[in-house]
Amino acid sequence: MKFVKYFLLLIIVLVGLALIYVASFSGSYDISRSKVIEAPINHVFNTVNDIKTWEKWGPWHDEDSTIVVTYGEKTVGVGASDSWTSKDGPGKMETIAVVPNKSINQKISFADNDPGDIYWYFEEVSNGTKVTWGMKAKKSPFIFKFFAAMSGSWDNMLGPMEEKGLNNLEKVILETIPSQQE
């Protein structure tokens, strides 16, 4: 019986230490990934700028088949928006700034949490377009910090998702490059 008491006490102490660790884990992050896609900059930019294309390349759709997306009145450019529900809860995103063929800035929020920032940069390079996808926030809810802490870092949690998304984006773009007229 003593063993069970000490074992339960040990479990309580470990859970308490884990909660303290997660609570002290930084809620601030700025994670980005880049990829060169062998396609014209305007095609890459236009694909990302139209949020209706995100269902084709967004990495989260591969992992959660319960996502249901609803689009706002506008789906391209400043003011474009969507919202979704899934087994993990609701979310929404809105495009807040666009510089054609250069950058896109968006706000994203999950449930009632403070919004985070999504940013995209596009750069013409010799063999196509360098596209950078980043996400940042100054503070994050406890549950997000928990998942980041369990992953070891924000980079370990978000980086692979961005990489997968950029790889999916490349496939979609290469499949939809307009044919060149002679």
N, C-alpha and C. Protein backbone atom coordinates (compact mmCIF):
# COMPACT_ATOMS: atom_id res chain seq x y z
N MET A 1 0.81 -1.19 0.00
CA MET A 1 0.00 0.00 0.00
C MET A 1 0.87 1.26 0.00
N LYS A 2 2.00 1.22 0.74
CA LYS A 2 2.91 2.36 0.76
C LYS A 2 3.44 2.65 -0.65
N PHE A 3 3.74 1.58 -1.37
CA PHE A 3 4.26 1.73 -2.73
C PHE A 3 3.28 2.50 -3.61
N VAL A 4 2.00 2.18 -3.52
CA VAL A 4 0.97 2.84 -4.33
C VAL A 4 0.90 4.32 -3.97
N LYS A 5 0.96 4.65 -2.67
CA LYS A 5 0.93 6.05 -2.24
C LYS A 5 2.12 6.82 -2.80
N TYR A 6 3.30 6.24 -2.68
CA TYR A 6 4.51 6.92 -3.19
C TYR A 6 4.47 7.03 -4.71
N PHE A 7 3.95 6.01 -5.35
CA PHE A 7 3.84 6.04 -6.81
C PHE A 7 2.89 7.15 -7.25
N LEU A 8 1.73 7.26 -6.59
CA LEU A 8 0.78 8.33 -6.91
C LEU A 8 1.37 9.70 -6.61
N LEU A 9 2.10 9.83 -5.52
CA LEU A 9 2.76 11.09 -5.19
C LEU A 9 3.78 11.45 -6.27
N LEU A 10 4.54 10.47 -6.71
CA LEU A 10 5.52 10.70 -7.78
C LEU A 10 4.82 11.16 -9.06
N ILE A 11 3.72 10.54 -9.41
CA ILE A 11 2.96 10.93 -10.61
C ILE A 11 2.48 12.37 -10.47
N ILE A 12 1.94 12.75 -9.33
CA ILE A 12 1.46 14.11 -9.10
C ILE A 12 2.60 15.11 -9.23
N VAL A 13 3.76 14.79 -8.66
CA VAL A 13 4.92 15.67 -8.75
C VAL A 13 5.37 15.81 -10.21
N LEU A 14 5.41 14.71 -10.94
CA LEU A 14 5.83 14.77 -12.35
C LEU A 14 4.85 15.57 -13.20
N VAL A 15 3.57 15.40 -12.95
CA VAL A 15 2.56 16.19 -13.69
C VAL A 15 2.72 17.67 -13.35
N GLY A 16 2.93 17.97 -12.08
CA GLY A 16 3.14 19.36 -11.66
C GLY A 16 4.36 19.97 -12.33
N LEU A 17 5.46 19.22 -12.37
CA LEU A 17 6.67 19.72 -13.03
C LEU A 17 6.44 19.91 -14.53
N ALA A 18 5.71 19.01 -15.15
CA ALA A 18 5.41 19.14 -16.58
C ALA A 18 4.57 20.39 -16.84
N LEU A 19 3.59 20.64 -15.98
CA LEU A 19 2.76 21.84 -16.14
C LEU A 19 3.58 23.12 -15.96
N ILE A 20 4.49 23.12 -15.01
CA ILE A 20 5.36 24.27 -14.80
C ILE A 20 6.26 24.47 -16.02
N TYR A 21 6.79 23.38 -16.56
CA TYR A 21 7.64 23.46 -17.75
C TYR A 21 6.87 24.06 -18.92
N VAL A 22 5.67 23.57 -19.17
CA VAL A 22 4.87 24.08 -20.30
C VAL A 22 4.50 25.54 -20.06
N ALA A 23 4.12 25.88 -18.84
CA ALA A 23 3.74 27.26 -18.54
C ALA A 23 4.90 28.22 -18.76
N SER A 24 6.12 27.75 -18.52
CA SER A 24 7.29 28.62 -18.69
C SER A 24 7.84 28.58 -20.12
N PHE A 25 7.32 27.69 -20.97
CA PHE A 25 7.76 27.58 -22.36
C PHE A 25 7.34 28.85 -23.10
N SER A 26 8.23 29.41 -23.89
CA SER A 26 7.92 30.65 -24.60
C SER A 26 6.73 30.47 -25.54
N GLY A 27 5.82 31.42 -25.49
CA GLY A 27 4.68 31.42 -26.40
C GLY A 27 4.94 32.21 -27.66
N SER A 28 6.15 32.74 -27.79
CA SER A 28 6.53 33.55 -28.94
C SER A 28 7.29 32.68 -29.95
N TYR A 29 6.95 32.85 -31.22
CA TYR A 29 7.66 32.10 -32.25
C TYR A 29 7.64 32.86 -33.57
N ASP A 30 8.59 32.55 -34.43
CA ASP A 30 8.65 33.04 -35.81
C ASP A 30 9.35 31.94 -36.60
N ILE A 31 8.57 31.13 -37.26
CA ILE A 31 9.07 29.95 -37.98
C ILE A 31 8.76 30.11 -39.46
N SER A 32 9.76 29.88 -40.31
CA SER A 32 9.51 29.97 -41.75
C SER A 32 10.31 28.91 -42.49
N ARG A 33 9.82 28.60 -43.67
CA ARG A 33 10.51 27.70 -44.59
C ARG A 33 10.42 28.30 -45.98
N SER A 34 11.44 28.01 -46.81
CA SER A 34 11.48 28.50 -48.19
C SER A 34 11.69 27.35 -49.14
N LYS A 35 11.25 27.56 -50.37
CA LYS A 35 11.41 26.56 -51.42
C LYS A 35 11.46 27.28 -52.76
N VAL A 36 12.32 26.82 -53.65
CA VAL A 36 12.34 27.33 -55.02
C VAL A 36 11.44 26.43 -55.86
N ILE A 37 10.46 27.05 -56.51
CA ILE A 37 9.53 26.33 -57.38
C ILE A 37 9.80 26.79 -58.81
N GLU A 38 10.00 25.84 -59.68
CA GLU A 38 10.33 26.16 -61.08
C GLU A 38 9.07 26.56 -61.83
N ALA A 39 8.63 27.79 -61.55
CA ALA A 39 7.42 28.33 -62.17
C ALA A 39 7.51 29.85 -62.12
N PRO A 40 6.78 30.52 -63.01
CA PRO A 40 6.79 31.98 -63.01
C PRO A 40 6.24 32.55 -61.70
N ILE A 41 6.82 33.65 -61.27
CA ILE A 41 6.45 34.25 -59.99
C ILE A 41 4.96 34.59 -59.93
N ASN A 42 4.38 35.08 -61.03
CA ASN A 42 2.96 35.46 -60.98
C ASN A 42 2.06 34.23 -60.78
N HIS A 43 2.46 33.08 -61.30
CA HIS A 43 1.66 31.87 -61.11
C HIS A 43 1.75 31.38 -59.66
N VAL A 44 2.94 31.41 -59.10
CA VAL A 44 3.11 30.99 -57.70
C VAL A 44 2.34 31.95 -56.79
N PHE A 45 2.53 33.24 -57.00
CA PHE A 45 1.86 34.25 -56.19
C PHE A 45 0.34 34.11 -56.29
N ASN A 46 -0.19 34.01 -57.51
CA ASN A 46 -1.64 33.93 -57.70
C ASN A 46 -2.24 32.68 -57.07
N THR A 47 -1.50 31.58 -57.07
CA THR A 47 -1.98 30.35 -56.46
C THR A 47 -2.13 30.53 -54.95
N VAL A 48 -1.12 31.11 -54.31
CA VAL A 48 -1.18 31.31 -52.85
C VAL A 48 -2.21 32.38 -52.50
N ASN A 49 -2.31 33.43 -53.32
CA ASN A 49 -3.19 34.56 -53.05
C ASN A 49 -4.67 34.17 -53.12
N ASP A 50 -4.99 33.10 -53.83
CA ASP A 50 -6.37 32.62 -53.91
C ASP A 50 -6.57 31.54 -52.85
N ILE A 51 -7.22 31.89 -51.75
CA ILE A 51 -7.31 30.93 -50.64
C ILE A 51 -8.15 29.71 -50.96
N LYS A 52 -8.90 29.74 -52.06
CA LYS A 52 -9.63 28.53 -52.47
C LYS A 52 -8.67 27.43 -52.91
N THR A 53 -7.44 27.78 -53.31
CA THR A 53 -6.48 26.75 -53.72
C THR A 53 -5.87 26.04 -52.52
N TRP A 54 -6.00 26.61 -51.32
CA TRP A 54 -5.34 26.05 -50.15
C TRP A 54 -5.82 24.65 -49.82
N GLU A 55 -7.06 24.33 -50.15
CA GLU A 55 -7.56 22.97 -49.90
C GLU A 55 -6.79 21.94 -50.72
N LYS A 56 -6.23 22.35 -51.85
CA LYS A 56 -5.48 21.43 -52.72
C LYS A 56 -4.08 21.15 -52.19
N TRP A 57 -3.47 22.10 -51.47
CA TRP A 57 -2.08 21.90 -51.06
C TRP A 57 -1.84 22.02 -49.55
N GLY A 58 -2.80 22.53 -48.80
CA GLY A 58 -2.61 22.69 -47.36
C GLY A 58 -2.34 21.36 -46.68
N PRO A 59 -1.27 21.26 -45.90
CA PRO A 59 -0.89 19.98 -45.30
C PRO A 59 -1.88 19.46 -44.27
N TRP A 60 -2.67 20.34 -43.70
CA TRP A 60 -3.61 19.93 -42.66
C TRP A 60 -4.75 19.09 -43.22
N HIS A 61 -5.08 19.27 -44.50
CA HIS A 61 -6.16 18.48 -45.10
C HIS A 61 -5.79 17.00 -45.22
N ASP A 62 -4.49 16.71 -45.34
CA ASP A 62 -4.04 15.32 -45.40
C ASP A 62 -4.19 14.63 -44.05
N GLU A 63 -4.13 15.41 -42.97
CA GLU A 63 -4.12 14.83 -41.63
C GLU A 63 -5.48 14.87 -40.93
N ASP A 64 -6.40 15.70 -41.41
CA ASP A 64 -7.70 15.82 -40.75
C ASP A 64 -8.81 15.87 -41.80
N SER A 65 -9.48 14.75 -41.98
CA SER A 65 -10.53 14.67 -42.99
C SER A 65 -11.84 15.32 -42.53
N THR A 66 -11.88 15.80 -41.28
CA THR A 66 -13.11 16.41 -40.77
C THR A 66 -13.17 17.91 -41.04
N ILE A 67 -12.15 18.49 -41.64
CA ILE A 67 -12.13 19.93 -41.89
C ILE A 67 -13.22 20.30 -42.91
N VAL A 68 -14.03 21.28 -42.52
CA VAL A 68 -15.04 21.84 -43.42
C VAL A 68 -14.76 23.34 -43.52
N VAL A 69 -14.46 23.79 -44.75
CA VAL A 69 -14.08 25.17 -44.99
C VAL A 69 -15.26 25.96 -45.53
N THR A 70 -15.42 27.17 -45.02
CA THR A 70 -16.41 28.12 -45.52
C THR A 70 -15.66 29.37 -45.96
N TYR A 71 -15.94 29.81 -47.19
CA TYR A 71 -15.23 30.97 -47.73
C TYR A 71 -16.03 32.24 -47.52
N GLY A 72 -15.30 33.35 -47.33
CA GLY A 72 -15.94 34.65 -47.24
C GLY A 72 -16.37 35.11 -48.63
N GLU A 73 -16.93 36.31 -48.68
CA GLU A 73 -17.36 36.86 -49.97
C GLU A 73 -16.19 37.00 -50.93
N LYS A 74 -15.04 37.28 -50.40
CA LYS A 74 -13.84 37.49 -51.21
C LYS A 74 -12.84 36.38 -50.91
N THR A 75 -12.20 35.82 -51.95
CA THR A 75 -11.23 34.73 -51.73
C THR A 75 -9.85 35.06 -52.30
N VAL A 76 -9.70 36.24 -52.91
CA VAL A 76 -8.42 36.65 -53.49
C VAL A 76 -8.10 38.06 -53.02
N GLY A 77 -6.85 38.28 -52.59
CA GLY A 77 -6.40 39.62 -52.24
C GLY A 77 -6.82 40.07 -50.85
N VAL A 78 -6.60 41.37 -50.60
CA VAL A 78 -6.93 41.94 -49.29
C VAL A 78 -8.41 41.75 -49.01
N GLY A 79 -8.72 41.26 -47.82
CA GLY A 79 -10.09 41.00 -47.44
C GLY A 79 -10.54 39.57 -47.70
N ALA A 80 -9.73 38.80 -48.43
CA ALA A 80 -10.07 37.39 -48.65
C ALA A 80 -10.09 36.69 -47.30
N SER A 81 -11.07 35.80 -47.12
CA SER A 81 -11.15 35.13 -45.83
C SER A 81 -11.78 33.75 -45.97
N ASP A 82 -11.48 32.94 -44.99
CA ASP A 82 -12.15 31.66 -44.85
C ASP A 82 -12.23 31.32 -43.38
N SER A 83 -13.07 30.37 -43.07
CA SER A 83 -13.17 29.85 -41.71
C SER A 83 -13.38 28.36 -41.84
N TRP A 84 -13.14 27.64 -40.75
CA TRP A 84 -13.26 26.19 -40.81
C TRP A 84 -13.66 25.63 -39.46
N THR A 85 -14.17 24.43 -39.53
CA THR A 85 -14.41 23.64 -38.34
C THR A 85 -13.74 22.30 -38.58
N SER A 86 -13.34 21.67 -37.50
CA SER A 86 -12.71 20.35 -37.58
C SER A 86 -12.81 19.68 -36.23
N LYS A 87 -12.30 18.48 -36.14
CA LYS A 87 -12.32 17.77 -34.86
C LYS A 87 -11.52 18.53 -33.79
N ASP A 88 -10.57 19.37 -34.24
CA ASP A 88 -9.73 20.13 -33.32
C ASP A 88 -10.32 21.50 -32.99
N GLY A 89 -11.47 21.83 -33.57
CA GLY A 89 -12.12 23.11 -33.28
C GLY A 89 -12.14 24.04 -34.47
N PRO A 90 -12.69 25.23 -34.26
CA PRO A 90 -12.83 26.19 -35.35
C PRO A 90 -11.60 27.08 -35.53
N GLY A 91 -11.54 27.72 -36.69
CA GLY A 91 -10.49 28.68 -36.96
C GLY A 91 -10.91 29.61 -38.08
N LYS A 92 -10.12 30.66 -38.27
CA LYS A 92 -10.41 31.59 -39.37
C LYS A 92 -9.12 32.28 -39.80
N MET A 93 -9.12 32.73 -41.05
CA MET A 93 -7.96 33.41 -41.61
C MET A 93 -8.43 34.53 -42.51
N GLU A 94 -7.68 35.63 -42.52
CA GLU A 94 -8.01 36.75 -43.40
C GLU A 94 -6.73 37.36 -43.96
N THR A 95 -6.75 37.68 -45.24
CA THR A 95 -5.63 38.36 -45.88
C THR A 95 -5.74 39.84 -45.57
N ILE A 96 -4.67 40.42 -44.99
CA ILE A 96 -4.73 41.82 -44.56
C ILE A 96 -3.85 42.74 -45.40
N ALA A 97 -2.88 42.20 -46.13
CA ALA A 97 -2.03 43.05 -46.98
C ALA A 97 -1.46 42.21 -48.12
N VAL A 98 -1.37 42.83 -49.30
CA VAL A 98 -0.83 42.16 -50.47
C VAL A 98 0.02 43.15 -51.26
N VAL A 99 1.20 42.71 -51.64
CA VAL A 99 2.03 43.43 -52.61
C VAL A 99 2.22 42.44 -53.75
N PRO A 100 1.56 42.69 -54.91
CA PRO A 100 1.58 41.71 -56.00
C PRO A 100 2.98 41.19 -56.33
N ASN A 101 3.08 39.87 -56.40
CA ASN A 101 4.31 39.15 -56.72
C ASN A 101 5.45 39.40 -55.73
N LYS A 102 5.14 39.96 -54.56
CA LYS A 102 6.16 40.22 -53.54
C LYS A 102 5.81 39.61 -52.18
N SER A 103 4.60 39.91 -51.68
CA SER A 103 4.28 39.44 -50.32
C SER A 103 2.77 39.38 -50.08
N ILE A 104 2.41 38.54 -49.11
CA ILE A 104 1.04 38.41 -48.62
C ILE A 104 1.14 38.30 -47.10
N ASN A 105 0.29 39.07 -46.40
CA ASN A 105 0.22 38.98 -44.94
C ASN A 105 -1.20 38.62 -44.54
N GLN A 106 -1.29 37.71 -43.58
CA GLN A 106 -2.59 37.21 -43.15
C GLN A 106 -2.64 37.10 -41.63
N LYS A 107 -3.84 37.11 -41.09
CA LYS A 107 -4.09 36.85 -39.68
C LYS A 107 -4.83 35.52 -39.59
N ILE A 108 -4.42 34.70 -38.63
CA ILE A 108 -5.07 33.41 -38.42
C ILE A 108 -5.37 33.26 -36.93
N SER A 109 -6.53 32.71 -36.65
CA SER A 109 -6.84 32.44 -35.25
C SER A 109 -7.58 31.12 -35.13
N PHE A 110 -7.37 30.49 -34.01
CA PHE A 110 -8.00 29.21 -33.70
C PHE A 110 -8.90 29.42 -32.49
N ALA A 111 -10.15 29.00 -32.62
CA ALA A 111 -11.16 29.19 -31.57
C ALA A 111 -11.19 30.67 -31.19
N ASP A 112 -11.14 30.97 -29.90
CA ASP A 112 -11.19 32.35 -29.45
C ASP A 112 -9.82 32.88 -29.06
N ASN A 113 -8.76 32.24 -29.52
CA ASN A 113 -7.41 32.65 -29.16
C ASN A 113 -6.98 33.88 -29.95
N ASP A 114 -5.98 34.58 -29.41
CA ASP A 114 -5.43 35.75 -30.11
C ASP A 114 -4.91 35.32 -31.47
N PRO A 115 -5.07 36.18 -32.48
CA PRO A 115 -4.60 35.80 -33.81
C PRO A 115 -3.08 35.78 -33.91
N GLY A 116 -2.59 34.93 -34.79
CA GLY A 116 -1.19 34.89 -35.15
C GLY A 116 -1.04 35.45 -36.56
N ASP A 117 0.19 35.59 -37.00
CA ASP A 117 0.48 36.14 -38.31
C ASP A 117 1.01 35.07 -39.25
N ILE A 118 0.57 35.13 -40.49
CA ILE A 118 1.12 34.30 -41.56
C ILE A 118 1.71 35.27 -42.57
N TYR A 119 2.90 34.97 -43.04
CA TYR A 119 3.50 35.83 -44.05
C TYR A 119 4.08 35.00 -45.18
N TRP A 120 4.01 35.56 -46.37
CA TRP A 120 4.52 34.94 -47.59
C TRP A 120 5.41 35.94 -48.30
N TYR A 121 6.57 35.50 -48.76
CA TYR A 121 7.45 36.32 -49.59
C TYR A 121 7.73 35.57 -50.87
N PHE A 122 7.77 36.31 -51.97
CA PHE A 122 8.01 35.73 -53.29
C PHE A 122 9.18 36.48 -53.93
N GLU A 123 10.13 35.72 -54.46
CA GLU A 123 11.31 36.33 -55.08
C GLU A 123 11.62 35.58 -56.37
N GLU A 124 11.75 36.35 -57.44
CA GLU A 124 12.11 35.74 -58.72
C GLU A 124 13.59 35.36 -58.67
N VAL A 125 13.90 34.12 -58.97
CA VAL A 125 15.28 33.64 -59.02
C VAL A 125 15.51 33.02 -60.39
N SER A 126 16.77 32.69 -60.69
CA SER A 126 17.11 32.24 -62.05
C SER A 126 16.33 31.01 -62.51
N ASN A 127 16.00 30.12 -61.60
CA ASN A 127 15.31 28.89 -62.01
C ASN A 127 13.85 28.84 -61.55
N GLY A 128 13.25 30.00 -61.28
CA GLY A 128 11.84 30.00 -60.90
C GLY A 128 11.52 31.05 -59.86
N THR A 129 10.82 30.62 -58.82
CA THR A 129 10.37 31.52 -57.76
C THR A 129 10.74 30.94 -56.41
N LYS A 130 11.40 31.76 -55.59
CA LYS A 130 11.66 31.37 -54.21
C LYS A 130 10.46 31.87 -53.39
N VAL A 131 9.77 30.94 -52.76
CA VAL A 131 8.62 31.29 -51.94
C VAL A 131 8.94 30.96 -50.48
N THR A 132 8.65 31.90 -49.61
CA THR A 132 8.87 31.71 -48.17
C THR A 132 7.52 31.80 -47.47
N TRP A 133 7.24 30.79 -46.64
CA TRP A 133 6.01 30.74 -45.85
C TRP A 133 6.40 30.79 -44.39
N GLY A 134 5.89 31.78 -43.67
CA GLY A 134 6.22 31.90 -42.26
C GLY A 134 5.00 32.11 -41.40
N MET A 135 5.16 31.78 -40.12
CA MET A 135 4.12 31.98 -39.12
C MET A 135 4.78 32.54 -37.87
N LYS A 136 4.11 33.52 -37.26
CA LYS A 136 4.67 34.08 -36.03
C LYS A 136 3.57 34.55 -35.10
N ALA A 137 3.92 34.58 -33.83
CA ALA A 137 3.01 35.08 -32.80
C ALA A 137 3.84 35.54 -31.61
N LYS A 138 3.29 36.48 -30.87
CA LYS A 138 3.98 36.98 -29.67
C LYS A 138 3.59 36.19 -28.43
N LYS A 139 2.37 35.66 -28.45
CA LYS A 139 1.96 34.81 -27.33
C LYS A 139 1.02 33.74 -27.87
N SER A 140 1.01 32.63 -27.17
CA SER A 140 0.22 31.48 -27.62
C SER A 140 -0.53 30.88 -26.45
N PRO A 141 -1.67 30.27 -26.73
CA PRO A 141 -2.42 29.62 -25.66
C PRO A 141 -1.66 28.43 -25.08
N PHE A 142 -2.02 28.07 -23.86
CA PHE A 142 -1.35 27.00 -23.14
C PHE A 142 -1.30 25.71 -23.96
N ILE A 143 -2.41 25.34 -24.62
CA ILE A 143 -2.45 24.07 -25.35
C ILE A 143 -1.45 24.07 -26.50
N PHE A 144 -1.27 25.22 -27.18
CA PHE A 144 -0.29 25.29 -28.27
C PHE A 144 1.12 25.17 -27.70
N LYS A 145 1.35 25.84 -26.54
CA LYS A 145 2.66 25.73 -25.89
C LYS A 145 2.94 24.29 -25.47
N PHE A 146 1.89 23.59 -25.03
CA PHE A 146 2.03 22.18 -24.64
C PHE A 146 2.54 21.35 -25.82
N PHE A 147 1.88 21.51 -26.99
CA PHE A 147 2.29 20.73 -28.17
C PHE A 147 3.69 21.11 -28.63
N ALA A 148 4.02 22.40 -28.56
CA ALA A 148 5.37 22.83 -28.95
C ALA A 148 6.41 22.26 -27.98
N ALA A 149 6.10 22.28 -26.69
CA ALA A 149 7.03 21.73 -25.69
C ALA A 149 7.22 20.23 -25.90
N MET A 150 6.13 19.52 -26.20
CA MET A 150 6.23 18.08 -26.44
C MET A 150 7.01 17.78 -27.72
N SER A 151 6.97 18.70 -28.68
CA SER A 151 7.73 18.52 -29.92
C SER A 151 9.20 18.89 -29.73
N GLY A 152 9.49 19.61 -28.67
CA GLY A 152 10.86 20.03 -28.40
C GLY A 152 11.11 21.49 -28.74
N SER A 153 10.31 22.05 -29.66
CA SER A 153 10.44 23.46 -30.02
C SER A 153 9.31 23.83 -30.97
N TRP A 154 9.11 25.13 -31.12
CA TRP A 154 8.13 25.60 -32.10
C TRP A 154 8.56 25.17 -33.51
N ASP A 155 9.86 25.22 -33.76
CA ASP A 155 10.37 24.85 -35.09
C ASP A 155 10.06 23.38 -35.40
N ASN A 156 10.22 22.51 -34.43
CA ASN A 156 9.90 21.09 -34.63
C ASN A 156 8.40 20.87 -34.86
N MET A 157 7.58 21.73 -34.26
CA MET A 157 6.14 21.57 -34.40
C MET A 157 5.63 22.14 -35.72
N LEU A 158 6.06 23.35 -36.08
CA LEU A 158 5.52 24.03 -37.25
C LEU A 158 6.34 23.84 -38.53
N GLY A 159 7.65 23.70 -38.40
CA GLY A 159 8.52 23.60 -39.57
C GLY A 159 8.16 22.46 -40.52
N PRO A 160 7.99 21.24 -40.01
CA PRO A 160 7.63 20.14 -40.92
C PRO A 160 6.30 20.36 -41.64
N MET A 161 5.34 21.02 -40.97
CA MET A 161 4.06 21.31 -41.62
C MET A 161 4.27 22.30 -42.77
N GLU A 162 5.09 23.33 -42.55
CA GLU A 162 5.37 24.29 -43.62
C GLU A 162 6.10 23.61 -44.78
N GLU A 163 7.06 22.74 -44.46
CA GLU A 163 7.78 22.03 -45.53
C GLU A 163 6.83 21.17 -46.36
N LYS A 164 5.96 20.44 -45.68
CA LYS A 164 4.99 19.60 -46.40
C LYS A 164 4.07 20.46 -47.25
N GLY A 165 3.61 21.58 -46.70
CA GLY A 165 2.74 22.48 -47.45
C GLY A 165 3.43 23.05 -48.68
N LEU A 166 4.69 23.44 -48.55
CA LEU A 166 5.42 23.97 -49.71
C LEU A 166 5.64 22.89 -50.76
N ASN A 167 5.90 21.66 -50.33
CA ASN A 167 6.04 20.56 -51.30
C ASN A 167 4.71 20.30 -52.01
N ASN A 168 3.60 20.31 -51.26
CA ASN A 168 2.28 20.15 -51.88
C ASN A 168 1.98 21.31 -52.83
N LEU A 169 2.33 22.52 -52.41
CA LEU A 169 2.11 23.71 -53.25
C LEU A 169 2.87 23.57 -54.57
N GLU A 170 4.10 23.10 -54.49
CA GLU A 170 4.89 22.92 -55.71
C GLU A 170 4.20 21.94 -56.67
N LYS A 171 3.68 20.84 -56.13
CA LYS A 171 2.98 19.86 -56.99
C LYS A 171 1.77 20.49 -57.68
N VAL A 172 0.98 21.23 -56.92
CA VAL A 172 -0.21 21.88 -57.48
C VAL A 172 0.20 22.88 -58.55
N ILE A 173 1.22 23.68 -58.26
CA ILE A 173 1.67 24.70 -59.22
C ILE A 173 2.20 24.05 -60.50
N LEU A 174 3.01 23.02 -60.36
CA LEU A 174 3.57 22.38 -61.55
C LEU A 174 2.49 21.71 -62.39
N GLU A 175 1.41 21.26 -61.75
CA GLU A 175 0.30 20.66 -62.49
C GLU A 175 -0.57 21.71 -63.18
N THR A 176 -0.48 22.96 -62.75
CA THR A 176 -1.38 23.99 -63.28
C THR A 176 -0.67 25.13 -64.00
N ILE A 177 0.61 24.94 -64.33
CA ILE A 177 1.32 26.00 -65.07
C ILE A 177 0.63 26.17 -66.43
N PRO A 178 0.24 27.41 -66.73
CA PRO A 178 -0.40 27.62 -68.04
C PRO A 178 0.57 27.22 -69.17
N SER A 179 0.01 26.58 -70.20
CA SER A 179 0.87 26.20 -71.33
C SER A 179 1.34 27.46 -72.03
N GLN A 180 2.57 27.40 -72.49
CA GLN A 180 3.17 28.56 -73.16
C GLN A 180 2.77 28.56 -74.62
N GLN A 181 2.22 29.67 -75.07
CA GLN A 181 1.82 29.82 -76.47
C GLN A 181 3.05 30.20 -77.29
N GLU A 182 3.18 29.61 -78.46
CA GLU A 182 4.31 29.95 -79.33
C GLU A 182 3.98 31.11 -80.21
